[in-house]
Amino acid sequence: MLRISGLSYKVQQKLILNKISLEAKSGEIICLLGPSGCGKTSTLRLIAGLERPISGTISIANQNVTSDKIFIEPHKRKVGFLFQDFALFPHLTAKQNIIWALGKRTHNKQVAELFEQINMVGHEHKYPHEMSGGEQQRVALARSIVTNPRILLLDEPFSSLDTNLRNEIRDYTISLLKQMGITAVIVTHDPEEAMLIADRIILMNNGEITQSGSAFELYHEPVDKFAASFLGPINCFKGTFSNNLIKTAIGDIPYNEPCSEKELNVVMRPDTLKLIPNERMDEKDLGAKVEEVRIIGGMEHIRCSLLKQDKDKEYVFISQSAENQLKVGDRGNINFNRDKVIIFKRD
């Protein structure tokens, strides 16, 4: 449905996108994820035809809409766009906002069916200031899909809603898009949101695509330290490779893969480690002392210091079930799943 190849874009003399390429299949929801300034919103605007690239091609439904010789105007691309601030016309009712998108092609039956789909029957004549944030979001969504776009672009559509409402509206929106089989490209800077909503995540940084894949792939199989840290908290230890072992502050890790690097980064996510209370540790134990505990729901998030450190303290972050009710000052053994260890060459 969507294909981008070698797309580059500049603002004045600053390179915003550097030869990015990506695809979205029909009915697929992809998420452009990355820090502020990485180029994700610029990518969305280029797909919509709101900006022109300096090079590269964009095709939608096998129609070339952007290239060196072709540039289809935004209103001819059959693309829907849902803005971050909803952009409803304040002087128009909910129904009038939706009908506006149809122009002269007003179909009352289609609009009525859409109000049923977004659970807004009875609210057709409300003005934006009379609606809640969630109702405004649903009207904006309806306006963006009423023209049956070939692809829907959403720019951080849930960021202005409070937490509970955001979860509700986000789940509803994704369910509706899937139900209608709409291909969508969603921009977000929130990795948890990306993992919840996307069939595929495109992780961007400094105008380039760092990694593309499922939520599982990006979380458990990151390609570098940036990808690992952006998808969630990590522990990163310096490691030295020798004789099929990586020596680290947290212990020796068997490593039988071919490795030309001596100096490595060893990455472990907090939820792959466990602190087991033990006040009588011997020299073979990997001991740690609890420095801080935060309880969130049924989980305890622990910052602890390794006990066998001759120099500066080295801290380890652990997320585990709160069944042990650990306190600051408690000591214990650290266990970790060696199959979940991620290895990168040292930066």
C-alpha atoms as a PDB file:
ATOM      1  CA  MET A   1       0.000   0.000   0.000  1.00  0.00           C
ATOM      2  CA  LEU A   2       2.801   2.428   0.917  1.00  0.00           C
ATOM      3  CA  ARG A   3       6.356   2.335  -0.342  1.00  0.00           C
ATOM      4  CA  ILE A   4       9.087   4.872   0.416  1.00  0.00           C
ATOM      5  CA  SER A   5      12.503   4.550  -1.180  1.00  0.00           C
ATOM      6  CA  GLY A   6      15.652   6.602  -0.581  1.00  0.00           C
ATOM      7  CA  LEU A   7      13.774   9.575   0.869  1.00  0.00           C
ATOM      8  CA  SER A   8      15.884  12.589   1.912  1.00  0.00           C
ATOM      9  CA  TYR A   9      14.645  15.917   3.197  1.00  0.00           C
ATOM     10  CA  LYS A  10      16.267  19.193   4.239  1.00  0.00           C
ATOM     11  CA  VAL A  11      15.060  22.288   6.068  1.00  0.00           C
ATOM     12  CA  GLN A  12      17.292  25.144   4.961  1.00  0.00           C
ATOM     13  CA  GLN A  13      20.714  23.460   5.160  1.00  0.00           C
ATOM     14  CA  LYS A  14      19.877  20.935   7.883  1.00  0.00           C
ATOM     15  CA  LEU A  15      19.403  17.321   6.775  1.00  0.00           C
ATOM     16  CA  ILE A  16      16.236  16.019   8.457  1.00  0.00           C
ATOM     17  CA  LEU A  17      15.907  12.650   6.676  1.00  0.00           C
ATOM     18  CA  ASN A  18      18.764  10.698   5.152  1.00  0.00           C
ATOM     19  CA  LYS A  19      17.747   8.185   2.457  1.00  0.00           C
ATOM     20  CA  ILE A  20      15.087   6.336   4.441  1.00  0.00           C
ATOM     21  CA  SER A  21      13.126   3.444   2.943  1.00  0.00           C
ATOM     22  CA  LEU A  22      10.070   1.682   4.362  1.00  0.00           C
ATOM     23  CA  GLU A  23       6.883  -0.132   3.364  1.00  0.00           C
ATOM     24  CA  ALA A  24       3.406  -0.662   4.800  1.00  0.00           C
ATOM     25  CA  LYS A  25       1.152  -3.487   3.637  1.00  0.00           C
ATOM     26  CA  SER A  26      -2.569  -3.078   3.058  1.00  0.00           C
ATOM     27  CA  GLY A  27      -4.385  -3.035   6.413  1.00  0.00           C
ATOM     28  CA  GLU A  28      -1.129  -2.812   8.371  1.00  0.00           C
ATOM     29  CA  ILE A  29      -0.611  -0.366  11.229  1.00  0.00           C
ATOM     30  CA  ILE A  30       2.973   0.840  11.412  1.00  0.00           C
ATOM     31  CA  CYS A  31       4.396   3.166  14.024  1.00  0.00           C
ATOM     32  CA  LEU A  32       7.168   5.710  13.491  1.00  0.00           C
ATOM     33  CA  LEU A  33       8.906   5.802  16.865  1.00  0.00           C
ATOM     34  CA  GLY A  34      11.810   7.917  18.000  1.00  0.00           C
ATOM     35  CA  PRO A  35      13.020  10.896  20.027  1.00  0.00           C
ATOM     36  CA  SER A  36      12.087  14.487  19.228  1.00  0.00           C
ATOM     37  CA  GLY A  37      13.784  15.720  16.075  1.00  0.00           C
ATOM     38  CA  CYS A  38      14.430  12.261  14.614  1.00  0.00           C
ATOM     39  CA  GLY A  39      12.356  12.975  11.486  1.00  0.00           C
ATOM     40  CA  LYS A  40       9.202  10.979  12.158  1.00  0.00           C
ATOM     41  CA  THR A  41       6.706  13.854  11.755  1.00  0.00           C
ATOM     42  CA  SER A  42       8.588  15.096   8.679  1.00  0.00           C
ATOM     43  CA  THR A  43       8.130  11.617   7.185  1.00  0.00           C
ATOM     44  CA  LEU A  44       4.384  11.852   7.821  1.00  0.00           C
ATOM     45  CA  ARG A  45       4.176  15.284   6.173  1.00  0.00           C
ATOM     46  CA  LEU A  46       6.115  14.055   3.144  1.00  0.00           C
ATOM     47  CA  ILE A  47       3.718  11.123   2.720  1.00  0.00           C
ATOM     48  CA  ALA A  48       0.788  13.560   2.902  1.00  0.00           C
ATOM     49  CA  GLY A  49       2.376  15.857   0.321  1.00  0.00           C
ATOM     50  CA  LEU A  50       2.653  18.771   2.744  1.00  0.00           C
ATOM     51  CA  GLU A  51       6.414  18.927   2.102  1.00  0.00           C
ATOM     52  CA  ARG A  52       8.690  18.086  -0.817  1.00  0.00           C
ATOM     53  CA  PRO A  53      11.796  15.898  -0.387  1.00  0.00           C
ATOM     54  CA  ILE A  54      15.149  16.649  -2.017  1.00  0.00           C
ATOM     55  CA  SER A  55      15.312  13.077  -3.334  1.00  0.00           C
ATOM     56  CA  GLY A  56      13.555   9.725  -3.157  1.00  0.00           C
ATOM     57  CA  THR A  57      10.168   8.317  -4.111  1.00  0.00           C
ATOM     58  CA  ILE A  58       6.821   7.730  -2.411  1.00  0.00           C
ATOM     59  CA  SER A  59       4.100   5.498  -3.853  1.00  0.00           C
ATOM     60  CA  ILE A  60       0.621   4.875  -2.445  1.00  0.00           C
ATOM     61  CA  ALA A  61      -1.472   1.964  -3.722  1.00  0.00           C
ATOM     62  CA  ASN A  62       1.009   1.491  -6.590  1.00  0.00           C
ATOM     63  CA  GLN A  63       0.649   5.133  -7.651  1.00  0.00           C
ATOM     64  CA  ASN A  64       3.831   7.194  -7.629  1.00  0.00           C
ATOM     65  CA  VAL A  65       2.925  10.385  -5.756  1.00  0.00           C
ATOM     66  CA  THR A  66       6.419  11.809  -5.185  1.00  0.00           C
ATOM     67  CA  SER A  67       9.580  11.486  -7.259  1.00  0.00           C
ATOM     68  CA  ASP A  68      12.081  13.683  -9.087  1.00  0.00           C
ATOM     69  CA  LYS A  69       9.511  14.308 -11.833  1.00  0.00           C
ATOM     70  CA  ILE A  70       6.180  13.716 -10.094  1.00  0.00           C
ATOM     71  CA  PHE A  71       4.473  15.522  -7.227  1.00  0.00           C
ATOM     72  CA  ILE A  72       0.788  14.834  -6.596  1.00  0.00           C
ATOM     73  CA  GLU A  73      -0.926  17.574  -4.575  1.00  0.00           C
ATOM     74  CA  PRO A  74      -2.088  16.601  -1.047  1.00  0.00           C
ATOM     75  CA  HIS A  75      -5.827  16.717  -1.822  1.00  0.00           C
ATOM     76  CA  LYS A  76      -5.344  14.298  -4.730  1.00  0.00           C
ATOM     77  CA  ARG A  77      -3.452  11.648  -2.770  1.00  0.00           C
ATOM     78  CA  LYS A  78      -6.547  10.196  -1.042  1.00  0.00           C
ATOM     79  CA  VAL A  79      -4.775  10.331   2.310  1.00  0.00           C
ATOM     80  CA  GLY A  80      -6.425  10.997   5.681  1.00  0.00           C
ATOM     81  CA  PHE A  81      -4.574  13.016   8.317  1.00  0.00           C
ATOM     82  CA  LEU A  82      -5.396  13.090  12.038  1.00  0.00           C
ATOM     83  CA  PHE A  83      -3.548  15.941  13.719  1.00  0.00           C
ATOM     84  CA  GLN A  84      -2.239  16.021  17.274  1.00  0.00           C
ATOM     85  CA  ASP A  85      -4.633  18.828  18.304  1.00  0.00           C
ATOM     86  CA  PHE A  86      -7.639  17.309  16.414  1.00  0.00           C
ATOM     87  CA  ALA A  87      -8.026  20.588  14.393  1.00  0.00           C
ATOM     88  CA  LEU A  88     -11.834  20.619  14.541  1.00  0.00           C
ATOM     89  CA  PHE A  89     -13.510  23.775  13.262  1.00  0.00           C
ATOM     90  CA  PRO A  90     -14.886  25.503  16.399  1.00  0.00           C
ATOM     91  CA  HIS A  91     -17.809  27.112  14.518  1.00  0.00           C
ATOM     92  CA  LEU A  92     -19.040  23.790  13.083  1.00  0.00           C
ATOM     93  CA  THR A  93     -20.953  21.006  14.816  1.00  0.00           C
ATOM     94  CA  ALA A  94     -19.666  17.441  14.975  1.00  0.00           C
ATOM     95  CA  LYS A  95     -21.733  16.496  11.925  1.00  0.00           C
ATOM     96  CA  GLN A  96     -20.721  19.614   9.999  1.00  0.00           C
ATOM     97  CA  ASN A  97     -17.039  18.933  10.734  1.00  0.00           C
ATOM     98  CA  ILE A  98     -17.366  15.478   9.209  1.00  0.00           C
ATOM     99  CA  ILE A  99     -19.450  16.649   6.227  1.00  0.00           C
ATOM    100  CA  TRP A 100     -16.821  19.338   5.516  1.00  0.00           C
ATOM    101  CA  ALA A 101     -14.341  16.591   4.609  1.00  0.00           C
ATOM    102  CA  LEU A 102     -16.754  15.271   1.967  1.00  0.00           C
ATOM    103  CA  GLY A 103     -17.072  18.620   0.200  1.00  0.00           C
ATOM    104  CA  LYS A 104     -19.870  18.442  -2.335  1.00  0.00           C
ATOM    105  CA  ARG A 105     -20.144  14.664  -1.984  1.00  0.00           C
ATOM    106  CA  THR A 106     -22.477  14.727   1.004  1.00  0.00           C
ATOM    107  CA  HIS A 107     -23.901  11.306   1.873  1.00  0.00           C
ATOM    108  CA  ASN A 108     -26.205  11.507   4.887  1.00  0.00           C
ATOM    109  CA  LYS A 109     -26.483   7.719   5.178  1.00  0.00           C
ATOM    110  CA  GLN A 110     -22.696   7.330   5.231  1.00  0.00           C
ATOM    111  CA  VAL A 111     -22.342  10.038   7.885  1.00  0.00           C
ATOM    112  CA  ALA A 112     -25.109   8.494  10.011  1.00  0.00           C
ATOM    113  CA  GLU A 113     -23.410   5.084   9.850  1.00  0.00           C
ATOM    114  CA  LEU A 114     -20.125   6.681  10.861  1.00  0.00           C
ATOM    115  CA  PHE A 115     -21.709   8.258  13.956  1.00  0.00           C
ATOM    116  CA  GLU A 116     -22.877   4.781  14.932  1.00  0.00           C
ATOM    117  CA  GLN A 117     -19.379   3.373  14.437  1.00  0.00           C
ATOM    118  CA  ILE A 118     -17.791   6.002  16.680  1.00  0.00           C
ATOM    119  CA  ASN A 119     -20.569   5.694  19.309  1.00  0.00           C
ATOM    120  CA  MET A 120     -21.586   9.341  18.909  1.00  0.00           C
ATOM    121  CA  VAL A 121     -25.261   9.013  17.938  1.00  0.00           C
ATOM    122  CA  GLY A 122     -27.108  11.908  19.595  1.00  0.00           C
ATOM    123  CA  HIS A 123     -24.044  14.150  19.588  1.00  0.00           C
ATOM    124  CA  GLU A 124     -24.239  15.221  15.937  1.00  0.00           C
ATOM    125  CA  HIS A 125     -25.152  18.825  16.728  1.00  0.00           C
ATOM    126  CA  LYS A 126     -22.618  19.447  19.480  1.00  0.00           C
ATOM    127  CA  TYR A 127     -19.917  22.047  18.928  1.00  0.00           C
ATOM    128  CA  PRO A 128     -16.286  21.191  19.825  1.00  0.00           C
ATOM    129  CA  HIS A 129     -16.395  23.256  23.036  1.00  0.00           C
ATOM    130  CA  GLU A 130     -19.383  21.177  24.170  1.00  0.00           C
ATOM    131  CA  MET A 131     -17.507  17.883  23.714  1.00  0.00           C
ATOM    132  CA  SER A 132     -15.067  16.066  25.967  1.00  0.00           C
ATOM    133  CA  GLY A 133     -11.537  15.405  24.755  1.00  0.00           C
ATOM    134  CA  GLY A 134     -12.473  11.837  23.892  1.00  0.00           C
ATOM    135  CA  GLU A 135     -15.517  12.948  21.892  1.00  0.00           C
ATOM    136  CA  GLN A 136     -13.435  15.486  19.970  1.00  0.00           C
ATOM    137  CA  GLN A 137     -10.917  12.748  19.194  1.00  0.00           C
ATOM    138  CA  ARG A 138     -13.613  10.450  17.811  1.00  0.00           C
ATOM    139  CA  VAL A 139     -15.095  13.203  15.633  1.00  0.00           C
ATOM    140  CA  ALA A 140     -11.630  14.058  14.307  1.00  0.00           C
ATOM    141  CA  LEU A 141     -11.051  10.369  13.565  1.00  0.00           C
ATOM    142  CA  ALA A 142     -14.400  10.117  11.779  1.00  0.00           C
ATOM    143  CA  ARG A 143     -13.591  13.183   9.669  1.00  0.00           C
ATOM    144  CA  SER A 144     -10.255  11.661   8.656  1.00  0.00           C
ATOM    145  CA  ILE A 145     -11.772   8.347   7.484  1.00  0.00           C
ATOM    146  CA  VAL A 146     -15.129   9.470   6.034  1.00  0.00           C
ATOM    147  CA  THR A 147     -13.554   9.902   2.583  1.00  0.00           C
ATOM    148  CA  ASN A 148     -12.311   6.279   2.617  1.00  0.00           C
ATOM    149  CA  PRO A 149      -8.628   7.238   2.393  1.00  0.00           C
ATOM    150  CA  ARG A 150      -6.115   4.819   0.935  1.00  0.00           C
ATOM    151  CA  ILE A 151      -3.934   5.437   3.959  1.00  0.00           C
ATOM    152  CA  LEU A 152      -4.449   7.226   7.284  1.00  0.00           C
ATOM    153  CA  LEU A 153      -1.685   9.302   8.889  1.00  0.00           C
ATOM    154  CA  LEU A 154      -1.863  10.040  12.633  1.00  0.00           C
ATOM    155  CA  ASP A 155       0.523  12.481  14.326  1.00  0.00           C
ATOM    156  CA  GLU A 156       0.737  11.653  18.068  1.00  0.00           C
ATOM    157  CA  PRO A 157      -3.082  11.459  18.167  1.00  0.00           C
ATOM    158  CA  PHE A 158      -3.409  10.452  21.830  1.00  0.00           C
ATOM    159  CA  SER A 159      -0.771  12.644  23.485  1.00  0.00           C
ATOM    160  CA  SER A 160      -3.131  15.434  24.606  1.00  0.00           C
ATOM    161  CA  LEU A 161      -5.497  13.093  26.487  1.00  0.00           C
ATOM    162  CA  ASP A 162      -5.187  12.174  30.165  1.00  0.00           C
ATOM    163  CA  THR A 163      -3.917   8.678  30.966  1.00  0.00           C
ATOM    164  CA  ASN A 164      -7.192   6.786  31.459  1.00  0.00           C
ATOM    165  CA  LEU A 165      -8.920   8.456  28.523  1.00  0.00           C
ATOM    166  CA  ARG A 166      -5.833   7.984  26.347  1.00  0.00           C
ATOM    167  CA  ASN A 167      -5.863   4.231  26.933  1.00  0.00           C
ATOM    168  CA  GLU A 168      -9.586   4.003  26.176  1.00  0.00           C
ATOM    169  CA  ILE A 169      -9.478   6.120  23.006  1.00  0.00           C
ATOM    170  CA  ARG A 170      -6.289   4.476  21.768  1.00  0.00           C
ATOM    171  CA  ASP A 171      -7.745   0.973  22.109  1.00  0.00           C
ATOM    172  CA  TYR A 172     -10.965   2.099  20.448  1.00  0.00           C
ATOM    173  CA  THR A 173      -9.131   3.781  17.550  1.00  0.00           C
ATOM    174  CA  ILE A 174      -6.916   0.774  16.801  1.00  0.00           C
ATOM    175  CA  SER A 175      -9.919  -1.568  16.994  1.00  0.00           C
ATOM    176  CA  LEU A 176     -11.844   0.604  14.511  1.00  0.00           C
ATOM    177  CA  LEU A 177      -8.896   0.825  12.098  1.00  0.00           C
ATOM    178  CA  LYS A 178      -8.501  -2.957  12.174  1.00  0.00           C
ATOM    179  CA  GLN A 179     -12.236  -3.493  11.753  1.00  0.00           C
ATOM    180  CA  MET A 180     -12.281  -1.244   8.679  1.00  0.00           C
ATOM    181  CA  GLY A 181      -9.013  -2.623   7.271  1.00  0.00           C
ATOM    182  CA  ILE A 182      -7.410   0.828   7.090  1.00  0.00           C
ATOM    183  CA  THR A 183      -3.665   1.110   6.480  1.00  0.00           C
ATOM    184  CA  ALA A 184      -2.252   3.539   9.029  1.00  0.00           C
ATOM    185  CA  VAL A 185       1.035   5.244   9.853  1.00  0.00           C
ATOM    186  CA  ILE A 186       1.143   6.551  13.423  1.00  0.00           C
ATOM    187  CA  VAL A 187       3.809   8.823  14.905  1.00  0.00           C
ATOM    188  CA  THR A 188       4.680   8.529  18.591  1.00  0.00           C
ATOM    189  CA  HIS A 189       7.631   9.114  20.913  1.00  0.00           C
ATOM    190  CA  ASP A 190       6.213   6.663  23.483  1.00  0.00           C
ATOM    191  CA  PRO A 191       7.734   3.152  23.121  1.00  0.00           C
ATOM    192  CA  GLU A 192       5.051   1.509  25.265  1.00  0.00           C
ATOM    193  CA  GLU A 193       2.334   2.983  23.067  1.00  0.00           C
ATOM    194  CA  ALA A 194       4.156   1.840  19.922  1.00  0.00           C
ATOM    195  CA  MET A 195       4.409  -1.712  21.249  1.00  0.00           C
ATOM    196  CA  LEU A 196       0.703  -1.730  22.135  1.00  0.00           C
ATOM    197  CA  ILE A 197      -0.687  -0.489  18.828  1.00  0.00           C
ATOM    198  CA  ALA A 198       1.675  -1.331  15.971  1.00  0.00           C
ATOM    199  CA  ASP A 199       1.894  -4.382  13.755  1.00  0.00           C
ATOM    200  CA  ARG A 200       5.389  -3.124  12.972  1.00  0.00           C
ATOM    201  CA  ILE A 201       7.569  -0.446  14.552  1.00  0.00           C
ATOM    202  CA  ILE A 202       9.983   1.768  12.600  1.00  0.00           C
ATOM    203  CA  LEU A 203      12.535   3.088  15.111  1.00  0.00           C
ATOM    204  CA  MET A 204      14.166   6.318  13.934  1.00  0.00           C
ATOM    205  CA  ASN A 205      17.112   8.378  15.150  1.00  0.00           C
ATOM    206  CA  ASN A 206      18.925  11.353  13.614  1.00  0.00           C
ATOM    207  CA  GLY A 207      16.962  11.163  10.373  1.00  0.00           C
ATOM    208  CA  GLU A 208      17.643   7.483   9.747  1.00  0.00           C
ATOM    209  CA  ILE A 209      15.882   4.184  10.439  1.00  0.00           C
ATOM    210  CA  THR A 210      17.696   2.321  13.204  1.00  0.00           C
ATOM    211  CA  GLN A 211      15.537  -0.812  13.227  1.00  0.00           C
ATOM    212  CA  SER A 212      12.245  -2.112  11.860  1.00  0.00           C
ATOM    213  CA  GLY A 213      10.277  -5.043  13.217  1.00  0.00           C
ATOM    214  CA  SER A 214       7.645  -6.310  15.615  1.00  0.00           C
ATOM    215  CA  ALA A 215       7.432  -5.148  19.218  1.00  0.00           C
ATOM    216  CA  PHE A 216       9.000  -8.455  20.295  1.00  0.00           C
ATOM    217  CA  GLU A 217      11.926  -8.058  17.909  1.00  0.00           C
ATOM    218  CA  LEU A 218      12.717  -4.499  18.943  1.00  0.00           C
ATOM    219  CA  TYR A 219      12.417  -5.223  22.661  1.00  0.00           C
ATOM    220  CA  HIS A 220      14.239  -8.562  22.794  1.00  0.00           C
ATOM    221  CA  GLU A 221      16.509  -8.333  19.737  1.00  0.00           C
ATOM    222  CA  PRO A 222      17.663  -4.693  19.484  1.00  0.00           C
ATOM    223  CA  VAL A 223      20.387  -3.955  16.935  1.00  0.00           C
ATOM    224  CA  ASP A 224      22.348  -1.531  19.126  1.00  0.00           C
ATOM    225  CA  LYS A 225      22.460   0.144  22.517  1.00  0.00           C
ATOM    226  CA  PHE A 226      20.253   3.060  21.391  1.00  0.00           C
ATOM    227  CA  ALA A 227      17.518   0.677  20.217  1.00  0.00           C
ATOM    228  CA  ALA A 228      17.747  -1.315  23.443  1.00  0.00           C
ATOM    229  CA  SER A 229      17.539   1.736  25.702  1.00  0.00           C
ATOM    230  CA  PHE A 230      14.773   3.483  23.756  1.00  0.00           C
ATOM    231  CA  LEU A 231      12.394   0.525  24.012  1.00  0.00           C
ATOM    232  CA  GLY A 232      12.780   0.291  27.781  1.00  0.00           C
ATOM    233  CA  PRO A 233      15.122   0.474  30.795  1.00  0.00           C
ATOM    234  CA  ILE A 234      18.404  -1.431  30.580  1.00  0.00           C
ATOM    235  CA  ASN A 235      21.435  -2.324  32.653  1.00  0.00           C
ATOM    236  CA  CYS A 236      24.629  -1.935  30.648  1.00  0.00           C
ATOM    237  CA  PHE A 237      27.888  -3.462  31.867  1.00  0.00           C
ATOM    238  CA  LYS A 238      31.335  -3.306  30.344  1.00  0.00           C
ATOM    239  CA  GLY A 239      32.526  -6.744  29.299  1.00  0.00           C
ATOM    240  CA  THR A 240      35.860  -8.235  28.243  1.00  0.00           C
ATOM    241  CA  PHE A 241      35.780 -11.273  25.947  1.00  0.00           C
ATOM    242  CA  SER A 242      38.326 -14.071  26.325  1.00  0.00           C
ATOM    243  CA  ASN A 243      38.230 -17.872  25.931  1.00  0.00           C
ATOM    244  CA  ASN A 244      34.481 -18.007  25.237  1.00  0.00           C
ATOM    245  CA  LEU A 245      33.687 -15.992  28.354  1.00  0.00           C
ATOM    246  CA  ILE A 246      32.644 -12.378  28.808  1.00  0.00           C
ATOM    247  CA  LYS A 247      33.898 -11.086  32.138  1.00  0.00           C
ATOM    248  CA  THR A 248      31.640  -8.418  33.694  1.00  0.00           C
ATOM    249  CA  ALA A 249      30.952  -6.875  37.089  1.00  0.00           C
ATOM    250  CA  ILE A 250      27.850  -9.033  37.318  1.00  0.00           C
ATOM    251  CA  GLY A 251      29.679 -12.288  36.609  1.00  0.00           C
ATOM    252  CA  ASP A 252      31.211 -14.350  33.814  1.00  0.00           C
ATOM    253  CA  ILE A 253      28.894 -15.034  30.894  1.00  0.00           C
ATOM    254  CA  PRO A 254      29.531 -17.958  28.499  1.00  0.00           C
ATOM    255  CA  TYR A 255      29.618 -16.741  24.895  1.00  0.00           C
ATOM    256  CA  ASN A 256      30.241 -19.209  22.084  1.00  0.00           C
ATOM    257  CA  GLU A 257      29.445 -16.974  19.118  1.00  0.00           C
ATOM    258  CA  PRO A 258      32.254 -15.812  16.780  1.00  0.00           C
ATOM    259  CA  CYS A 259      33.552 -12.538  18.208  1.00  0.00           C
ATOM    260  CA  SER A 260      36.366 -10.334  16.920  1.00  0.00           C
ATOM    261  CA  GLU A 261      35.810  -7.688  19.588  1.00  0.00           C
ATOM    262  CA  LYS A 262      37.564  -7.808  22.952  1.00  0.00           C
ATOM    263  CA  GLU A 263      35.622  -4.959  24.567  1.00  0.00           C
ATOM    264  CA  LEU A 264      31.839  -5.433  24.663  1.00  0.00           C
ATOM    265  CA  ASN A 265      28.689  -3.965  26.159  1.00  0.00           C
ATOM    266  CA  VAL A 266      26.541  -6.467  28.033  1.00  0.00           C
ATOM    267  CA  VAL A 267      22.898  -5.387  28.255  1.00  0.00           C
ATOM    268  CA  MET A 268      20.244  -6.847  30.557  1.00  0.00           C
ATOM    269  CA  ARG A 269      16.719  -5.598  31.033  1.00  0.00           C
ATOM    270  CA  PRO A 270      15.608  -5.137  34.664  1.00  0.00           C
ATOM    271  CA  ASP A 271      12.852  -7.734  34.295  1.00  0.00           C
ATOM    272  CA  THR A 272      15.396 -10.442  33.371  1.00  0.00           C
ATOM    273  CA  LEU A 273      17.143 -10.185  36.769  1.00  0.00           C
ATOM    274  CA  LYS A 274      15.954 -11.261  40.195  1.00  0.00           C
ATOM    275  CA  LEU A 275      17.173 -10.351  43.688  1.00  0.00           C
ATOM    276  CA  ILE A 276      16.755 -13.200  46.185  1.00  0.00           C
ATOM    277  CA  PRO A 277      17.070 -12.171  49.864  1.00  0.00           C
ATOM    278  CA  ASN A 278      20.105 -13.759  51.520  1.00  0.00           C
ATOM    279  CA  GLU A 279      21.990 -12.247  54.449  1.00  0.00           C
ATOM    280  CA  ARG A 280      24.572 -15.082  54.569  1.00  0.00           C
ATOM    281  CA  MET A 281      26.320 -14.967  51.225  1.00  0.00           C
ATOM    282  CA  ASP A 282      29.633 -16.659  50.487  1.00  0.00           C
ATOM    283  CA  GLU A 283      32.332 -15.606  48.019  1.00  0.00           C
ATOM    284  CA  LYS A 284      30.716 -17.478  45.128  1.00  0.00           C
ATOM    285  CA  ASP A 285      27.481 -15.513  45.410  1.00  0.00           C
ATOM    286  CA  LEU A 286      26.783 -12.433  43.314  1.00  0.00           C
ATOM    287  CA  GLY A 287      25.731 -10.217  46.172  1.00  0.00           C
ATOM    288  CA  ALA A 288      23.925  -6.883  46.133  1.00  0.00           C
ATOM    289  CA  LYS A 289      22.580  -4.388  48.635  1.00  0.00           C
ATOM    290  CA  VAL A 290      19.226  -2.660  48.172  1.00  0.00           C
ATOM    291  CA  GLU A 291      19.661   1.104  47.847  1.00  0.00           C
ATOM    292  CA  GLU A 292      16.147   2.087  46.760  1.00  0.00           C
ATOM    293  CA  VAL A 293      12.768   0.391  46.277  1.00  0.00           C
ATOM    294  CA  ARG A 294       9.727   1.707  44.430  1.00  0.00           C
ATOM    295  CA  ILE A 295       6.474  -0.261  44.407  1.00  0.00           C
ATOM    296  CA  ILE A 296       4.204   0.119  41.371  1.00  0.00           C
ATOM    297  CA  GLY A 297       1.208  -2.176  41.491  1.00  0.00           C
ATOM    298  CA  GLY A 298       2.415  -5.723  42.101  1.00  0.00           C
ATOM    299  CA  MET A 299       5.976  -4.969  40.989  1.00  0.00           C
ATOM    300  CA  GLU A 300       8.966  -3.678  42.919  1.00  0.00           C
ATOM    301  CA  HIS A 301      11.595  -1.665  41.060  1.00  0.00           C
ATOM    302  CA  ILE A 302      14.893  -1.956  42.871  1.00  0.00           C
ATOM    303  CA  ARG A 303      18.158  -0.061  42.615  1.00  0.00           C
ATOM    304  CA  CYS A 304      20.905  -2.055  44.266  1.00  0.00           C
ATOM    305  CA  SER A 305      24.691  -1.857  44.482  1.00  0.00           C
ATOM    306  CA  LEU A 306      26.998  -4.777  43.800  1.00  0.00           C
ATOM    307  CA  LEU A 307      28.942  -5.785  46.904  1.00  0.00           C
ATOM    308  CA  LYS A 308      32.148  -7.019  45.250  1.00  0.00           C
ATOM    309  CA  GLN A 309      33.318  -3.672  43.920  1.00  0.00           C
ATOM    310  CA  ASP A 310      36.806  -2.463  44.793  1.00  0.00           C
ATOM    311  CA  LYS A 311      36.365   0.943  43.163  1.00  0.00           C
ATOM    312  CA  ASP A 312      33.233   2.989  42.489  1.00  0.00           C
ATOM    313  CA  LYS A 313      29.852   1.490  43.241  1.00  0.00           C
ATOM    314  CA  GLU A 314      28.171  -0.248  40.325  1.00  0.00           C
ATOM    315  CA  TYR A 315      24.393  -0.190  40.371  1.00  0.00           C
ATOM    316  CA  VAL A 316      21.926  -2.733  39.027  1.00  0.00           C
ATOM    317  CA  PHE A 317      18.243  -2.071  38.338  1.00  0.00           C
ATOM    318  CA  ILE A 318      15.834  -4.951  38.877  1.00  0.00           C
ATOM    319  CA  SER A 319      12.066  -5.224  38.291  1.00  0.00           C
ATOM    320  CA  GLN A 320      10.377  -8.186  39.939  1.00  0.00           C
ATOM    321  CA  SER A 321       7.260  -9.307  41.767  1.00  0.00           C
ATOM    322  CA  ALA A 322       6.864  -7.524  45.097  1.00  0.00           C
ATOM    323  CA  GLU A 323       6.290 -10.771  46.992  1.00  0.00           C
ATOM    324  CA  ASN A 324       9.520 -10.427  49.049  1.00  0.00           C
ATOM    325  CA  GLN A 325       8.771  -6.841  50.171  1.00  0.00           C
ATOM    326  CA  LEU A 326      12.435  -5.842  50.111  1.00  0.00           C
ATOM    327  CA  LYS A 327      13.604  -2.819  52.091  1.00  0.00           C
ATOM    328  CA  VAL A 328      16.547  -0.438  51.772  1.00  0.00           C
ATOM    329  CA  GLY A 329      19.607  -2.108  53.297  1.00  0.00           C
ATOM    330  CA  ASP A 330      18.486  -5.680  52.576  1.00  0.00           C
ATOM    331  CA  ARG A 331      21.027  -7.946  50.916  1.00  0.00           C
ATOM    332  CA  GLY A 332      20.586 -10.753  48.455  1.00  0.00           C
ATOM    333  CA  ASN A 333      21.853 -12.762  45.513  1.00  0.00           C
ATOM    334  CA  ILE A 334      21.318 -11.616  41.945  1.00  0.00           C
ATOM    335  CA  ASN A 335      20.169 -14.258  39.475  1.00  0.00           C
ATOM    336  CA  PHE A 336      19.711 -13.568  35.787  1.00  0.00           C
ATOM    337  CA  ASN A 337      18.626 -15.439  32.694  1.00  0.00           C
ATOM    338  CA  ARG A 338      21.708 -15.817  30.495  1.00  0.00           C
ATOM    339  CA  ASP A 339      19.505 -16.473  27.459  1.00  0.00           C
ATOM    340  CA  LYS A 340      18.158 -12.921  27.790  1.00  0.00           C
ATOM    341  CA  VAL A 341      21.570 -11.237  27.793  1.00  0.00           C
ATOM    342  CA  ILE A 342      22.154  -8.883  24.824  1.00  0.00           C
ATOM    343  CA  ILE A 343      25.699  -8.338  23.571  1.00  0.00           C
ATOM    344  CA  PHE A 344      26.957  -5.323  21.588  1.00  0.00           C
ATOM    345  CA  LYS A 345      30.422  -4.151  20.653  1.00  0.00           C
ATOM    346  CA  ARG A 346      31.649  -1.307  22.855  1.00  0.00           C
ATOM    347  CA  ASP A 347      30.863   2.205  21.558  1.00  0.00           C
END
